[in-house]
Protein backbone atom coordinates (compact mmCIF):
# COMPACT_ATOMS: atom_id res chain seq x y z
CA UNK A 1 99.39 118.62 176.55
CA UNK A 2 98.58 116.64 173.86
CA UNK A 3 96.78 118.71 172.38
CA UNK A 4 99.52 121.75 172.62
CA UNK A 5 101.97 118.91 171.27
CA UNK A 6 99.65 118.39 168.16
CA UNK A 7 99.56 121.85 167.42
CA UNK A 8 103.34 122.38 168.26
CA UNK A 9 105.07 119.39 166.32
CA UNK A 10 103.55 120.40 162.97
CA UNK A 11 104.78 123.93 162.90
CA UNK A 12 107.92 122.62 164.67
CA UNK A 13 108.51 119.87 162.20
CA UNK A 14 108.17 122.71 159.35
CA UNK A 15 111.24 124.01 160.70
CA UNK A 16 113.25 121.45 162.17
CA UNK A 17 115.24 118.74 159.58
CA UNK A 18 116.07 116.75 163.01
CA UNK A 19 112.42 117.02 163.78
CA UNK A 20 110.79 115.55 161.17
CA UNK A 21 113.17 113.07 160.65
CA UNK A 22 112.25 111.40 163.90
CA UNK A 23 108.46 112.28 163.22
CA UNK A 24 108.72 109.97 159.96
CA UNK A 25 111.12 107.37 161.35
CA UNK A 26 108.13 106.61 163.77
CA UNK A 27 105.56 106.68 160.93
CA UNK A 28 108.04 104.43 159.37
CA UNK A 29 107.97 101.91 162.38
CA UNK A 30 103.66 102.52 162.42
CA UNK A 31 103.50 101.72 158.33
CA UNK A 32 105.84 98.28 158.26
CA UNK A 33 104.88 97.08 162.00
CA UNK A 34 101.52 98.69 163.06
CA UNK A 35 99.45 99.07 159.68
CA UNK A 36 101.17 96.58 157.96
CA UNK A 37 102.08 97.42 154.01
CA UNK A 38 99.75 100.10 153.30
CA UNK A 39 99.86 103.26 155.26
CA UNK A 40 103.12 105.58 153.63
CA UNK A 41 103.60 106.68 150.20
CA UNK A 42 105.90 104.23 149.08
CA UNK A 43 107.27 101.14 151.07
CA UNK A 44 109.76 98.93 149.95
CA UNK A 45 112.11 95.94 150.66
CA UNK A 46 116.10 96.45 149.92
CA UNK A 47 117.81 92.98 150.53
CA UNK A 48 114.92 92.32 153.24
CA UNK A 49 115.14 95.57 154.95
CA UNK A 50 111.59 97.60 155.06
CA UNK A 51 112.70 101.26 153.42
CA UNK A 52 109.85 104.11 153.27
CA UNK A 53 110.14 106.73 151.28
CA UNK A 54 107.94 110.18 152.22
CA UNK A 55 107.52 112.66 149.52
CA UNK A 56 106.37 116.41 151.19
CA UNK A 57 105.15 118.69 148.86
CA UNK A 58 106.17 122.47 149.69
CA UNK A 59 108.59 121.53 151.83
CA UNK A 60 112.61 122.87 151.23
CA UNK A 61 115.10 120.63 153.69
CA UNK A 62 118.28 120.66 152.61
CA UNK A 63 120.09 117.04 151.26
CA UNK A 64 121.32 115.28 154.42
CA UNK A 65 122.16 112.11 156.22
CA UNK A 66 120.58 111.55 159.55
CA UNK A 67 120.24 108.50 161.91
CA UNK A 68 118.28 108.83 165.12
CA UNK A 69 115.68 106.62 166.99
CA UNK A 70 117.47 103.61 165.44
CA UNK A 71 116.84 104.42 162.03
CA UNK A 72 118.97 105.30 159.28
CA UNK A 73 117.80 108.58 156.81
CA UNK A 74 118.36 110.02 153.54
CA UNK A 75 117.01 113.78 152.95
CA UNK A 76 117.14 115.62 149.60
CA UNK A 77 114.73 118.18 147.56
CA UNK A 78 114.11 119.15 144.07
CA UNK A 79 112.49 122.53 144.66
CA UNK A 80 109.32 121.68 145.03
CA UNK A 81 109.07 119.12 147.40
CA UNK A 82 111.57 117.44 150.33
CA UNK A 83 112.04 113.24 149.74
CA UNK A 84 113.28 111.11 152.64
CA UNK A 85 113.91 107.74 152.97
CA UNK A 86 113.62 106.05 155.98
CA UNK A 87 115.33 102.73 157.13
CA UNK A 88 116.57 100.86 159.82
CA UNK A 89 120.18 101.44 161.13
CA UNK A 90 122.75 98.98 159.65
CA UNK A 91 121.69 99.87 155.90
CA UNK A 92 123.20 103.16 155.42
CA UNK A 93 125.00 102.47 152.37
CA UNK A 94 122.35 100.55 150.27
CA UNK A 95 119.96 103.55 151.41
CA UNK A 96 122.42 106.35 150.04
CA UNK A 97 122.89 104.30 146.84
CA UNK A 98 119.00 104.32 146.29
CA UNK A 99 118.67 107.89 147.48
CA UNK A 100 121.21 108.65 144.99
CA UNK A 101 119.53 106.96 142.06
CA UNK A 102 116.39 108.47 142.69
CA UNK A 103 118.09 111.52 142.68
CA UNK A 104 119.48 111.04 138.82
CA UNK A 105 116.83 109.40 138.04
CA UNK A 106 114.49 112.79 138.75
CA UNK A 107 116.63 114.52 136.37
C-alpha cells in the first residue's frame, strides 16, 4: 500500500490543487516541527506565526485560497511556476496580504 501511495501521490497532486495543498500543509508541519527551520524552500515568521513558501517550477495552478488540515493556504502562479504560502489556520488575512505583496513585487 505504501509503494502504491508513493507512486500514485505525485501523479494525483499533479492534477489536484487540493491534494497538493494537503501535501504542502504536511510538509509545512514537518519543516517547522520535526526538521526545524531548515527543510522547506523559504520559511518565515509572520507576527510569530510560522509561514512556508513553496515554489513549484513547471506546475501551473489557478489562484485560489484553501483551508485544510488546520492550515490556510494561498496559491497562485506566474505562468512558469506555482507558489503556495502555508500557515496555521487563523492567519488567513495576514497570509493573503503577504501573498498579494509577493505577487505585486514579482511583476
